[in-house]
Amino acid sequence: MKVLWKITYPLVTIPTNKMKLQNLYTLTQLVCKDDSITGDEQKSWLDRMGKGMGFAHQNVSYIADKSIKMI
């Protein structure tokens, strides 16, 4: 299998839950303002991003829902 792209920047983990929540809130604002992403796509996208940021897998769905409702 041929690799078509390569990540050339380091991934930095977010050290605290407060910083994770701040970043997720900012991402939620962006997702909610983007007209091309609607409804279930918003939640799905935020779930994936939350998992990538290091939120616990059992909590990420709840956190994404709350985040969308806050906006």
Protein backbone atom coordinates (compact mmCIF):
# COMPACT_ATOMS: atom_id res chain seq x y z
CA MET A 1 0.00 0.00 0.00
CA LYS A 2 1.40 3.35 -1.04
CA VAL A 3 1.20 6.28 1.41
CA LEU A 4 -0.14 9.36 -0.36
CA TRP A 5 0.39 11.83 2.47
CA LYS A 6 2.53 12.19 5.51
CA ILE A 7 1.98 14.20 8.68
CA THR A 8 4.95 16.53 9.01
CA TYR A 9 4.04 18.27 12.25
CA PRO A 10 4.10 16.90 15.77
CA LEU A 11 0.87 16.19 17.61
CA VAL A 12 0.87 17.89 20.99
CA THR A 13 -1.30 16.46 23.75
CA ILE A 14 -3.46 18.86 25.73
CA PRO A 15 -2.31 18.64 29.36
CA THR A 16 -5.40 19.66 31.35
CA ASN A 17 -9.13 19.02 31.15
CA LYS A 18 -9.79 22.76 31.35
CA MET A 19 -7.70 23.34 28.21
CA LYS A 20 -9.43 20.41 26.47
CA LEU A 21 -12.84 21.91 27.26
CA GLN A 22 -11.74 25.34 26.03
CA ASN A 23 -10.51 23.85 22.75
CA LEU A 24 -13.66 21.76 22.32
CA TYR A 25 -15.80 24.86 22.94
CA THR A 26 -13.89 26.75 20.23
CA LEU A 27 -14.29 23.84 17.82
CA THR A 28 -18.00 23.64 18.62
CA GLN A 29 -18.40 27.32 17.75
CA LEU A 30 -16.70 26.70 14.40
CA VAL A 31 -18.77 23.60 13.65
CA CYS A 32 -22.05 25.32 14.52
CA LYS A 33 -21.23 28.30 12.29
CA ASP A 34 -20.34 26.07 9.33
CA ASP A 35 -23.51 25.66 7.24
CA SER A 36 -22.16 22.60 5.44
CA ILE A 37 -22.14 20.54 8.68
CA THR A 38 -25.57 20.02 10.23
CA GLY A 39 -27.38 17.92 12.83
CA ASP A 40 -25.90 14.49 13.42
CA GLU A 41 -22.79 15.38 11.42
CA GLN A 42 -21.94 18.05 14.01
CA LYS A 43 -22.18 15.59 16.88
CA SER A 44 -20.26 12.90 15.00
CA TRP A 45 -17.48 15.34 14.13
CA LEU A 46 -17.22 16.63 17.70
CA ASP A 47 -17.20 13.06 19.06
CA ARG A 48 -14.22 12.20 16.88
CA MET A 49 -12.40 15.41 17.78
CA GLY A 50 -13.09 14.90 21.49
CA LYS A 51 -11.64 11.39 21.35
CA GLY A 52 -8.61 12.75 19.52
CA MET A 53 -8.13 15.41 22.20
CA GLY A 54 -8.01 12.76 24.89
CA PHE A 55 -11.45 12.85 26.50
CA ALA A 56 -12.55 9.51 27.94
CA HIS A 57 -14.40 7.50 25.29
CA GLN A 58 -17.37 6.86 27.60
CA ASN A 59 -17.76 10.61 28.29
CA VAL A 60 -17.06 12.15 24.90
CA SER A 61 -20.61 11.78 23.56
CA TYR A 62 -22.08 13.51 26.63
CA ILE A 63 -19.49 16.30 26.44
CA ALA A 64 -20.14 16.86 22.71
CA ASP A 65 -23.92 17.05 23.31
CA LYS A 66 -23.47 19.58 26.13
CA SER A 67 -21.08 21.59 24.02
CA ILE A 68 -23.57 21.85 21.14
CA LYS A 69 -26.42 22.78 23.50
CA MET A 70 -24.29 25.56 25.03
CA ILE A 71 -23.84 27.17 21.62
